[in-house]
């Protein structure tokens, strides 16, 4: 098997591992035991009440009335947090200045990949010489360049803060540093390939074109090979780290922070509550003893 073919095989393998890994993580999160209710307001899905922090508990005889919720409000609040990192801006401004360009760089590179794929499809359709294709190519290059610069700056800033901020350093694990170093390698190798041999990303688009059509890969510069190999390793590595928080965030908000569904003799909810109460107590203290279920511990008369 030739070098380009091995590169294509590695690309397919990385995408397969990434997809399967993320799906399995999502299933694990979805099947997790029922959480303890937080009751934190405002809840964005409260139709007409989310803006000021209200809830259906304001209504007289609320249990007898139909709840009005809006998934649009919930998704909007999630996107605001994911794209702008709003809570960090309000609670830890200095960290936001590093985290925002880091995440922004990742989002821009995701958009860049989609644009690169669109350009590859356009070339396959014979539109490579059309006037609009030149605009698409220029826009793709602009998005990719900004993403690489922003992501590299953000990653270096986050690493510096973890080394220099004593509070952050004390709470950082080895995996936190490894994850950032791996991501930095992705940004740096891609930036080097862009600046040295592929200023318009044409070689990368050509490789993507062959990947999309399952056709033999073209010869690309060693810098492009390094860029693709590092990106593939990152995709294989990612599902086995806490970087899958991009999937967990939905469950954290939708099923934990904002879940205010009332227990009105719902058989499924009652079954999940009973399953939690049947779990063994895993710790002990003067007021509680291990070796019992939570139901026994909660109903024991002292």
C-alpha atoms as a PDB file:
ATOM      1  CA  UNK A   1       0.000   0.000   0.000  1.00  0.00           C
ATOM      2  CA  UNK A   2       1.384   3.392  -1.024  1.00  0.00           C
ATOM      3  CA  UNK A   3       1.925   6.359   1.265  1.00  0.00           C
ATOM      4  CA  UNK A   4      -1.153   8.302   0.046  1.00  0.00           C
ATOM      5  CA  UNK A   5      -3.297   5.191   0.440  1.00  0.00           C
ATOM      6  CA  UNK A   6      -2.078   4.694   4.006  1.00  0.00           C
ATOM      7  CA  UNK A   7      -2.894   8.324   4.705  1.00  0.00           C
ATOM      8  CA  UNK A   8      -6.422   7.821   3.405  1.00  0.00           C
ATOM      9  CA  UNK A   9      -6.802   4.633   5.466  1.00  0.00           C
ATOM     10  CA  UNK A  10      -5.700   6.491   8.602  1.00  0.00           C
ATOM     11  CA  UNK A  11      -8.193   9.256   7.844  1.00  0.00           C
ATOM     12  CA  UNK A  12     -11.079   6.811   7.482  1.00  0.00           C
ATOM     13  CA  UNK A  13     -10.009   4.964  10.647  1.00  0.00           C
ATOM     14  CA  UNK A  14      -9.833   8.171  12.682  1.00  0.00           C
ATOM     15  CA  UNK A  15     -13.286   9.269  11.536  1.00  0.00           C
ATOM     16  CA  UNK A  16     -14.703   5.836  12.364  1.00  0.00           C
ATOM     17  CA  UNK A  17     -13.166   5.745  15.857  1.00  0.00           C
ATOM     18  CA  UNK A  18     -14.243   9.330  16.524  1.00  0.00           C
ATOM     19  CA  UNK A  19     -17.838   8.714  15.411  1.00  0.00           C
ATOM     20  CA  UNK A  20     -18.247   5.415  17.275  1.00  0.00           C
ATOM     21  CA  UNK A  21     -16.586   6.834  20.379  1.00  0.00           C
ATOM     22  CA  UNK A  22     -18.789   9.936  20.490  1.00  0.00           C
ATOM     23  CA  UNK A  23     -21.950   7.900  19.871  1.00  0.00           C
ATOM     24  CA  UNK A  24     -21.045   5.485  22.675  1.00  0.00           C
ATOM     25  CA  UNK A  25     -20.332   8.385  25.028  1.00  0.00           C
ATOM     26  CA  UNK A  26     -23.686   9.936  24.145  1.00  0.00           C
ATOM     27  CA  UNK A  27     -25.490   6.665  24.856  1.00  0.00           C
ATOM     28  CA  UNK A  28     -23.678   6.395  28.189  1.00  0.00           C
ATOM     29  CA  UNK A  29     -24.734   9.919  29.166  1.00  0.00           C
ATOM     30  CA  UNK A  30     -28.326   9.315  28.055  1.00  0.00           C
ATOM     31  CA  UNK A  31     -28.552   6.118  30.129  1.00  0.00           C
ATOM     32  CA  UNK A  32     -26.988   7.613  33.247  1.00  0.00           C
ATOM     33  CA  UNK A  33     -28.978   7.326  36.494  1.00  0.00           C
ATOM     34  CA  UNK A  34     -31.494  10.023  37.242  1.00  0.00           C
ATOM     35  CA  UNK A  35     -29.784  13.106  38.618  1.00  0.00           C
ATOM     36  CA  UNK A  36     -30.537  15.032  41.783  1.00  0.00           C
ATOM     37  CA  UNK A  37     -32.724  18.006  40.932  1.00  0.00           C
ATOM     38  CA  UNK A  38     -30.915  21.345  40.991  1.00  0.00           C
ATOM     39  CA  UNK A  39     -33.965  23.623  40.646  1.00  0.00           C
ATOM     40  CA  UNK A  40     -31.775  26.431  39.299  1.00  0.00           C
ATOM     41  CA  UNK A  41     -33.581  29.317  37.657  1.00  0.00           C
ATOM     42  CA  UNK A  42     -34.012  30.862  35.175  1.00  0.00           C
ATOM     43  CA  UNK A  43     -34.913  27.849  33.048  1.00  0.00           C
ATOM     44  CA  UNK A  44     -34.901  28.956  29.374  1.00  0.00           C
ATOM     45  CA  UNK A  45     -37.590  26.491  28.320  1.00  0.00           C
ATOM     46  CA  UNK A  46     -40.170  28.133  30.612  1.00  0.00           C
ATOM     47  CA  UNK A  47     -42.311  29.829  27.985  1.00  0.00           C
ATOM     48  CA  UNK A  48     -43.000  33.431  28.971  1.00  0.00           C
ATOM     49  CA  UNK A  49     -41.222  33.053  32.309  1.00  0.00           C
ATOM     50  CA  UNK A  50     -37.624  32.138  31.473  1.00  0.00           C
ATOM     51  CA  UNK A  51     -36.514  35.744  30.924  1.00  0.00           C
ATOM     52  CA  UNK A  52     -37.151  36.806  34.491  1.00  0.00           C
ATOM     53  CA  UNK A  53     -36.472  33.486  36.242  1.00  0.00           C
ATOM     54  CA  UNK A  54     -40.063  32.416  36.799  1.00  0.00           C
ATOM     55  CA  UNK A  55     -41.500  28.913  36.704  1.00  0.00           C
ATOM     56  CA  UNK A  56     -44.745  27.013  36.522  1.00  0.00           C
ATOM     57  CA  UNK A  57     -44.778  26.980  40.339  1.00  0.00           C
ATOM     58  CA  UNK A  58     -46.100  30.550  40.175  1.00  0.00           C
ATOM     59  CA  UNK A  59     -49.408  29.292  38.841  1.00  0.00           C
ATOM     60  CA  UNK A  60     -52.244  28.521  41.231  1.00  0.00           C
ATOM     61  CA  UNK A  61     -52.927  24.776  41.196  1.00  0.00           C
ATOM     62  CA  UNK A  62     -50.021  24.346  38.772  1.00  0.00           C
ATOM     63  CA  UNK A  63     -50.295  20.556  38.864  1.00  0.00           C
ATOM     64  CA  UNK A  64     -53.678  20.697  37.153  1.00  0.00           C
ATOM     65  CA  UNK A  65     -52.556  22.912  34.266  1.00  0.00           C
ATOM     66  CA  UNK A  66     -50.759  22.195  31.012  1.00  0.00           C
ATOM     67  CA  UNK A  67     -47.105  23.251  31.101  1.00  0.00           C
ATOM     68  CA  UNK A  68     -45.903  25.489  28.282  1.00  0.00           C
ATOM     69  CA  UNK A  69     -42.275  24.945  27.326  1.00  0.00           C
ATOM     70  CA  UNK A  70     -40.103  26.029  24.405  1.00  0.00           C
ATOM     71  CA  UNK A  71     -37.181  23.987  23.119  1.00  0.00           C
ATOM     72  CA  UNK A  72     -36.131  26.963  20.993  1.00  0.00           C
ATOM     73  CA  UNK A  73     -35.400  29.017  24.110  1.00  0.00           C
ATOM     74  CA  UNK A  74     -33.366  26.208  25.594  1.00  0.00           C
ATOM     75  CA  UNK A  75     -31.297  25.650  22.451  1.00  0.00           C
ATOM     76  CA  UNK A  76     -30.730  29.406  22.123  1.00  0.00           C
ATOM     77  CA  UNK A  77     -29.361  29.588  25.670  1.00  0.00           C
ATOM     78  CA  UNK A  78     -27.113  26.575  25.001  1.00  0.00           C
ATOM     79  CA  UNK A  79     -25.721  28.105  21.818  1.00  0.00           C
ATOM     80  CA  UNK A  80     -25.080  31.399  23.586  1.00  0.00           C
ATOM     81  CA  UNK A  81     -23.092  29.577  26.247  1.00  0.00           C
ATOM     82  CA  UNK A  82     -21.216  27.315  23.820  1.00  0.00           C
ATOM     83  CA  UNK A  83     -20.313  29.995  21.255  1.00  0.00           C
ATOM     84  CA  UNK A  84     -19.772  33.011  23.505  1.00  0.00           C
ATOM     85  CA  UNK A  85     -18.909  31.240  26.802  1.00  0.00           C
ATOM     86  CA  UNK A  86     -21.135  33.748  28.535  1.00  0.00           C
ATOM     87  CA  UNK A  87     -20.857  32.399  32.083  1.00  0.00           C
ATOM     88  CA  UNK A  88     -17.059  32.575  31.982  1.00  0.00           C
ATOM     89  CA  UNK A  89     -17.240  36.184  30.767  1.00  0.00           C
ATOM     90  CA  UNK A  90     -19.271  37.119  33.830  1.00  0.00           C
ATOM     91  CA  UNK A  91     -17.470  34.977  36.432  1.00  0.00           C
ATOM     92  CA  UNK A  92     -13.828  34.735  35.316  1.00  0.00           C
ATOM     93  CA  UNK A  93     -13.034  37.419  32.761  1.00  0.00           C
ATOM     94  CA  UNK A  94      -9.267  36.742  32.639  1.00  0.00           C
ATOM     95  CA  UNK A  95      -9.880  33.079  31.805  1.00  0.00           C
ATOM     96  CA  UNK A  96     -12.397  34.064  29.138  1.00  0.00           C
ATOM     97  CA  UNK A  97      -9.719  35.985  27.208  1.00  0.00           C
ATOM     98  CA  UNK A  98      -7.874  32.683  26.721  1.00  0.00           C
ATOM     99  CA  UNK A  99     -10.836  30.323  26.470  1.00  0.00           C
ATOM    100  CA  UNK A 100     -12.845  32.285  23.912  1.00  0.00           C
ATOM    101  CA  UNK A 101     -10.165  32.398  21.163  1.00  0.00           C
ATOM    102  CA  UNK A 102      -9.371  28.742  21.896  1.00  0.00           C
ATOM    103  CA  UNK A 103     -12.952  27.583  21.397  1.00  0.00           C
ATOM    104  CA  UNK A 104     -13.492  30.110  18.623  1.00  0.00           C
ATOM    105  CA  UNK A 105     -10.520  28.662  16.756  1.00  0.00           C
ATOM    106  CA  UNK A 106     -11.968  25.163  17.039  1.00  0.00           C
ATOM    107  CA  UNK A 107     -15.378  26.307  15.799  1.00  0.00           C
ATOM    108  CA  UNK A 108     -13.816  28.195  12.891  1.00  0.00           C
ATOM    109  CA  UNK A 109     -11.743  25.165  11.877  1.00  0.00           C
ATOM    110  CA  UNK A 110     -14.889  23.047  11.939  1.00  0.00           C
ATOM    111  CA  UNK A 111     -16.537  25.591   9.636  1.00  0.00           C
ATOM    112  CA  UNK A 112     -13.360  25.678   7.544  1.00  0.00           C
ATOM    113  CA  UNK A 113     -13.546  21.892   7.066  1.00  0.00           C
ATOM    114  CA  UNK A 114     -17.143  22.173   5.880  1.00  0.00           C
ATOM    115  CA  UNK A 115     -16.179  24.942   3.451  1.00  0.00           C
ATOM    116  CA  UNK A 116     -13.249  22.878   2.238  1.00  0.00           C
ATOM    117  CA  UNK A 117     -15.614  19.970   1.651  1.00  0.00           C
ATOM    118  CA  UNK A 118     -18.007  22.250  -0.226  1.00  0.00           C
ATOM    119  CA  UNK A 119     -15.141  23.370  -2.433  1.00  0.00           C
ATOM    120  CA  UNK A 120     -14.138  19.759  -3.081  1.00  0.00           C
ATOM    121  CA  UNK A 121     -17.692  18.891  -4.126  1.00  0.00           C
ATOM    122  CA  UNK A 122     -17.800  21.969  -6.368  1.00  0.00           C
ATOM    123  CA  UNK A 123     -14.591  20.847  -8.100  1.00  0.00           C
ATOM    124  CA  UNK A 124     -16.041  17.368  -8.585  1.00  0.00           C
ATOM    125  CA  UNK A 125     -19.093  18.973 -10.181  1.00  0.00           C
ATOM    126  CA  UNK A 126     -16.862  20.866 -12.625  1.00  0.00           C
ATOM    127  CA  UNK A 127     -17.353  24.282 -11.044  1.00  0.00           C
ATOM    128  CA  UNK A 128     -13.682  24.803 -10.226  1.00  0.00           C
ATOM    129  CA  UNK A 129     -13.360  27.584 -12.813  1.00  0.00           C
ATOM    130  CA  UNK A 130     -16.597  29.382 -11.973  1.00  0.00           C
ATOM    131  CA  UNK A 131     -16.347  32.956 -10.701  1.00  0.00           C
ATOM    132  CA  UNK A 132     -18.113  32.140  -7.421  1.00  0.00           C
ATOM    133  CA  UNK A 133     -15.634  29.340  -6.722  1.00  0.00           C
ATOM    134  CA  UNK A 134     -12.867  31.934  -6.411  1.00  0.00           C
ATOM    135  CA  UNK A 135     -14.925  33.714  -3.756  1.00  0.00           C
ATOM    136  CA  UNK A 136     -15.529  30.425  -1.973  1.00  0.00           C
ATOM    137  CA  UNK A 137     -11.816  29.620  -2.051  1.00  0.00           C
ATOM    138  CA  UNK A 138     -10.908  33.051  -0.658  1.00  0.00           C
ATOM    139  CA  UNK A 139     -13.510  32.829   2.091  1.00  0.00           C
ATOM    140  CA  UNK A 140     -12.365  29.312   3.001  1.00  0.00           C
ATOM    141  CA  UNK A 141      -8.780  30.540   3.258  1.00  0.00           C
ATOM    142  CA  UNK A 142      -9.838  33.483   5.432  1.00  0.00           C
ATOM    143  CA  UNK A 143     -11.850  31.281   7.829  1.00  0.00           C
ATOM    144  CA  UNK A 144      -9.042  28.732   8.055  1.00  0.00           C
ATOM    145  CA  UNK A 145      -6.371  31.376   8.678  1.00  0.00           C
ATOM    146  CA  UNK A 146      -8.366  33.138  11.407  1.00  0.00           C
ATOM    147  CA  UNK A 147      -9.190  29.799  13.002  1.00  0.00           C
ATOM    148  CA  UNK A 148      -5.541  28.720  13.106  1.00  0.00           C
ATOM    149  CA  UNK A 149      -4.334  32.030  14.533  1.00  0.00           C
ATOM    150  CA  UNK A 150      -7.147  32.229  17.093  1.00  0.00           C
ATOM    151  CA  UNK A 151      -6.826  28.585  18.134  1.00  0.00           C
ATOM    152  CA  UNK A 152      -3.051  28.721  18.488  1.00  0.00           C
ATOM    153  CA  UNK A 153      -3.211  31.904  20.564  1.00  0.00           C
ATOM    154  CA  UNK A 154      -5.981  30.507  22.760  1.00  0.00           C
ATOM    155  CA  UNK A 155      -4.219  27.188  23.359  1.00  0.00           C
ATOM    156  CA  UNK A 156      -0.941  28.851  24.279  1.00  0.00           C
ATOM    157  CA  UNK A 157      -2.816  31.235  26.588  1.00  0.00           C
ATOM    158  CA  UNK A 158      -4.605  28.375  28.346  1.00  0.00           C
ATOM    159  CA  UNK A 159      -1.341  26.493  28.807  1.00  0.00           C
ATOM    160  CA  UNK A 160       0.349  29.588  30.196  1.00  0.00           C
ATOM    161  CA  UNK A 161      -2.490  30.181  32.644  1.00  0.00           C
ATOM    162  CA  UNK A 162      -2.363  26.578  33.873  1.00  0.00           C
ATOM    163  CA  UNK A 163       1.356  26.943  34.542  1.00  0.00           C
ATOM    164  CA  UNK A 164       1.276  30.471  35.997  1.00  0.00           C
ATOM    165  CA  UNK A 165      -2.012  30.689  37.897  1.00  0.00           C
ATOM    166  CA  UNK A 166      -1.493  28.848  41.195  1.00  0.00           C
ATOM    167  CA  UNK A 167      -5.185  28.195  41.793  1.00  0.00           C
ATOM    168  CA  UNK A 168      -5.671  26.846  38.282  1.00  0.00           C
ATOM    169  CA  UNK A 169      -2.438  24.865  38.502  1.00  0.00           C
ATOM    170  CA  UNK A 170      -3.568  23.196  41.730  1.00  0.00           C
ATOM    171  CA  UNK A 171      -6.790  21.991  40.099  1.00  0.00           C
ATOM    172  CA  UNK A 172      -5.177  20.827  36.826  1.00  0.00           C
ATOM    173  CA  UNK A 173      -4.520  17.163  36.130  1.00  0.00           C
ATOM    174  CA  UNK A 174      -1.933  15.676  33.780  1.00  0.00           C
ATOM    175  CA  UNK A 175      -4.644  15.027  31.203  1.00  0.00           C
ATOM    176  CA  UNK A 176      -5.486  18.753  31.113  1.00  0.00           C
ATOM    177  CA  UNK A 177      -1.960  19.535  29.965  1.00  0.00           C
ATOM    178  CA  UNK A 178      -1.797  16.582  27.551  1.00  0.00           C
ATOM    179  CA  UNK A 179      -5.082  17.559  25.923  1.00  0.00           C
ATOM    180  CA  UNK A 180      -3.918  21.129  25.343  1.00  0.00           C
ATOM    181  CA  UNK A 181      -0.550  19.961  23.985  1.00  0.00           C
ATOM    182  CA  UNK A 182      -2.243  17.590  21.528  1.00  0.00           C
ATOM    183  CA  UNK A 183      -4.588  20.355  20.361  1.00  0.00           C
ATOM    184  CA  UNK A 184      -1.645  22.748  20.062  1.00  0.00           C
ATOM    185  CA  UNK A 185       0.113  20.193  17.858  1.00  0.00           C
ATOM    186  CA  UNK A 186      -2.942  20.135  15.574  1.00  0.00           C
ATOM    187  CA  UNK A 187      -2.962  23.930  15.271  1.00  0.00           C
ATOM    188  CA  UNK A 188       0.808  24.274  14.806  1.00  0.00           C
ATOM    189  CA  UNK A 189       1.199  21.547  12.179  1.00  0.00           C
ATOM    190  CA  UNK A 190      -1.778  22.897  10.238  1.00  0.00           C
ATOM    191  CA  UNK A 191      -0.453  26.461  10.488  1.00  0.00           C
ATOM    192  CA  UNK A 192       3.006  25.379   9.311  1.00  0.00           C
ATOM    193  CA  UNK A 193       1.554  23.515   6.318  1.00  0.00           C
ATOM    194  CA  UNK A 194      -0.596  26.514   5.413  1.00  0.00           C
ATOM    195  CA  UNK A 195       2.247  29.034   5.645  1.00  0.00           C
ATOM    196  CA  UNK A 196       4.937  26.897   4.006  1.00  0.00           C
ATOM    197  CA  UNK A 197       3.383  24.868   1.186  1.00  0.00           C
ATOM    198  CA  UNK A 198      -0.385  25.335   0.963  1.00  0.00           C
ATOM    199  CA  UNK A 199      -1.405  29.035   1.266  1.00  0.00           C
ATOM    200  CA  UNK A 200      -4.760  28.501  -0.471  1.00  0.00           C
ATOM    201  CA  UNK A 201      -5.366  25.047   1.074  1.00  0.00           C
ATOM    202  CA  UNK A 202      -5.602  23.594  -2.431  1.00  0.00           C
ATOM    203  CA  UNK A 203      -3.539  20.506  -1.581  1.00  0.00           C
ATOM    204  CA  UNK A 204      -5.663  19.823   1.477  1.00  0.00           C
ATOM    205  CA  UNK A 205      -8.823  20.243  -0.607  1.00  0.00           C
ATOM    206  CA  UNK A 206      -7.456  17.824  -3.180  1.00  0.00           C
ATOM    207  CA  UNK A 207      -6.848  15.218  -0.492  1.00  0.00           C
ATOM    208  CA  UNK A 208     -10.348  15.758   0.864  1.00  0.00           C
ATOM    209  CA  UNK A 209     -11.756  15.382  -2.643  1.00  0.00           C
ATOM    210  CA  UNK A 210     -10.161  11.953  -2.967  1.00  0.00           C
ATOM    211  CA  UNK A 211     -11.400  10.979   0.500  1.00  0.00           C
ATOM    212  CA  UNK A 212     -14.966  11.918  -0.405  1.00  0.00           C
ATOM    213  CA  UNK A 213     -14.898   9.910  -3.643  1.00  0.00           C
ATOM    214  CA  UNK A 214     -12.933   6.915  -2.299  1.00  0.00           C
ATOM    215  CA  UNK A 215     -10.436   7.515  -5.084  1.00  0.00           C
ATOM    216  CA  UNK A 216      -6.617   7.254  -4.933  1.00  0.00           C
ATOM    217  CA  UNK A 217      -5.140  10.098  -2.902  1.00  0.00           C
ATOM    218  CA  UNK A 218      -2.827  12.580  -4.619  1.00  0.00           C
ATOM    219  CA  UNK A 219       0.755  13.136  -3.550  1.00  0.00           C
ATOM    220  CA  UNK A 220       0.936  15.924  -1.014  1.00  0.00           C
ATOM    221  CA  UNK A 221       3.828  17.739   0.625  1.00  0.00           C
ATOM    222  CA  UNK A 222       5.366  16.222   3.794  1.00  0.00           C
ATOM    223  CA  UNK A 223       3.984  19.125   5.823  1.00  0.00           C
ATOM    224  CA  UNK A 224       0.461  18.217   4.652  1.00  0.00           C
ATOM    225  CA  UNK A 225       1.093  14.569   5.561  1.00  0.00           C
ATOM    226  CA  UNK A 226       2.164  15.612   9.060  1.00  0.00           C
ATOM    227  CA  UNK A 227      -0.871  17.852   9.410  1.00  0.00           C
ATOM    228  CA  UNK A 228      -3.273  15.048   8.435  1.00  0.00           C
ATOM    229  CA  UNK A 229      -1.561  12.438  10.643  1.00  0.00           C
ATOM    230  CA  UNK A 230      -1.643  14.700  13.707  1.00  0.00           C
ATOM    231  CA  UNK A 231      -5.310  15.579  13.091  1.00  0.00           C
ATOM    232  CA  UNK A 232      -6.167  11.873  12.704  1.00  0.00           C
ATOM    233  CA  UNK A 233      -4.392  10.987  15.964  1.00  0.00           C
ATOM    234  CA  UNK A 234      -6.330  13.749  17.703  1.00  0.00           C
ATOM    235  CA  UNK A 235      -9.673  12.412  16.413  1.00  0.00           C
ATOM    236  CA  UNK A 236      -8.802   8.917  17.645  1.00  0.00           C
ATOM    237  CA  UNK A 237      -7.684  10.257  21.012  1.00  0.00           C
ATOM    238  CA  UNK A 238     -10.575  12.675  21.658  1.00  0.00           C
ATOM    239  CA  UNK A 239     -13.454  10.255  22.479  1.00  0.00           C
ATOM    240  CA  UNK A 240     -11.435   8.761  25.346  1.00  0.00           C
ATOM    241  CA  UNK A 241     -10.923  12.095  27.128  1.00  0.00           C
ATOM    242  CA  UNK A 242     -13.080  14.593  28.976  1.00  0.00           C
ATOM    243  CA  UNK A 243     -12.991  16.736  25.835  1.00  0.00           C
ATOM    244  CA  UNK A 244     -16.252  14.989  24.970  1.00  0.00           C
ATOM    245  CA  UNK A 245     -17.827  17.663  27.164  1.00  0.00           C
ATOM    246  CA  UNK A 246     -19.059  19.133  23.873  1.00  0.00           C
ATOM    247  CA  UNK A 247     -21.530  16.208  23.914  1.00  0.00           C
ATOM    248  CA  UNK A 248     -22.021  16.110  27.689  1.00  0.00           C
ATOM    249  CA  UNK A 249     -22.988  19.788  27.748  1.00  0.00           C
ATOM    250  CA  UNK A 250     -26.382  19.030  26.210  1.00  0.00           C
ATOM    251  CA  UNK A 251     -27.187  16.455  28.873  1.00  0.00           C
ATOM    252  CA  UNK A 252     -25.790  18.685  31.629  1.00  0.00           C
ATOM    253  CA  UNK A 253     -28.141  21.492  30.707  1.00  0.00           C
ATOM    254  CA  UNK A 254     -31.167  19.665  29.327  1.00  0.00           C
ATOM    255  CA  UNK A 255     -31.332  16.716  31.744  1.00  0.00           C
ATOM    256  CA  UNK A 256     -29.681  18.132  34.862  1.00  0.00           C
ATOM    257  CA  UNK A 257     -29.607  21.891  35.224  1.00  0.00           C
ATOM    258  CA  UNK A 258     -32.895  22.654  33.509  1.00  0.00           C
ATOM    259  CA  UNK A 259     -34.914  19.513  34.148  1.00  0.00           C
ATOM    260  CA  UNK A 260     -37.881  20.718  36.205  1.00  0.00           C
ATOM    261  CA  UNK A 261     -40.407  18.114  35.067  1.00  0.00           C
ATOM    262  CA  UNK A 262     -42.877  17.559  37.917  1.00  0.00           C
ATOM    263  CA  UNK A 263     -43.404  14.066  39.320  1.00  0.00           C
ATOM    264  CA  UNK A 264     -47.119  13.633  38.758  1.00  0.00           C
ATOM    265  CA  UNK A 265     -47.370   9.854  39.126  1.00  0.00           C
ATOM    266  CA  UNK A 266     -45.212   9.292  36.072  1.00  0.00           C
ATOM    267  CA  UNK A 267     -44.450   5.529  36.021  1.00  0.00           C
ATOM    268  CA  UNK A 268     -41.116   5.976  34.236  1.00  0.00           C
ATOM    269  CA  UNK A 269     -39.964   8.705  36.614  1.00  0.00           C
ATOM    270  CA  UNK A 270     -41.052   6.677  39.636  1.00  0.00           C
ATOM    271  CA  UNK A 271     -39.087   3.686  38.334  1.00  0.00           C
ATOM    272  CA  UNK A 272     -35.933   5.796  37.937  1.00  0.00           C
ATOM    273  CA  UNK A 273     -36.348   7.264  41.418  1.00  0.00           C
ATOM    274  CA  UNK A 274     -36.798   3.774  42.875  1.00  0.00           C
ATOM    275  CA  UNK A 275     -33.659   2.620  41.060  1.00  0.00           C
ATOM    276  CA  UNK A 276     -31.677   5.436  42.677  1.00  0.00           C
ATOM    277  CA  UNK A 277     -33.098   4.692  46.134  1.00  0.00           C
ATOM    278  CA  UNK A 278     -32.080   1.062  45.706  1.00  0.00           C
ATOM    279  CA  UNK A 279     -28.427   1.968  45.176  1.00  0.00           C
ATOM    280  CA  UNK A 280     -26.048   1.208  48.058  1.00  0.00           C
ATOM    281  CA  UNK A 281     -24.609   4.021  50.174  1.00  0.00           C
ATOM    282  CA  UNK A 282     -20.951   4.296  49.197  1.00  0.00           C
ATOM    283  CA  UNK A 283     -19.665   6.424  52.064  1.00  0.00           C
ATOM    284  CA  UNK A 284     -20.186   6.823  55.779  1.00  0.00           C
ATOM    285  CA  UNK A 285     -20.352   9.597  58.360  1.00  0.00           C
ATOM    286  CA  UNK A 286     -21.634   9.991  61.926  1.00  0.00           C
ATOM    287  CA  UNK A 287     -25.153  10.538  60.591  1.00  0.00           C
ATOM    288  CA  UNK A 288     -25.147   7.836  57.903  1.00  0.00           C
ATOM    289  CA  UNK A 289     -23.745   4.343  57.570  1.00  0.00           C
ATOM    290  CA  UNK A 290     -22.571   2.435  54.511  1.00  0.00           C
ATOM    291  CA  UNK A 291     -23.835  -1.039  53.667  1.00  0.00           C
ATOM    292  CA  UNK A 292     -27.430   0.126  53.295  1.00  0.00           C
ATOM    293  CA  UNK A 293     -29.510   1.373  50.418  1.00  0.00           C
ATOM    294  CA  UNK A 294     -30.411   5.036  50.166  1.00  0.00           C
ATOM    295  CA  UNK A 295     -34.050   4.144  50.837  1.00  0.00           C
ATOM    296  CA  UNK A 296     -33.050   2.463  54.099  1.00  0.00           C
ATOM    297  CA  UNK A 297     -30.764   5.337  55.080  1.00  0.00           C
ATOM    298  CA  UNK A 298     -33.472   7.929  54.363  1.00  0.00           C
ATOM    299  CA  UNK A 299     -36.199   6.144  56.332  1.00  0.00           C
ATOM    300  CA  UNK A 300     -34.127   4.920  59.266  1.00  0.00           C
ATOM    301  CA  UNK A 301     -35.317   6.336  62.572  1.00  0.00           C
ATOM    302  CA  UNK A 302     -32.459   7.661  64.743  1.00  0.00           C
END
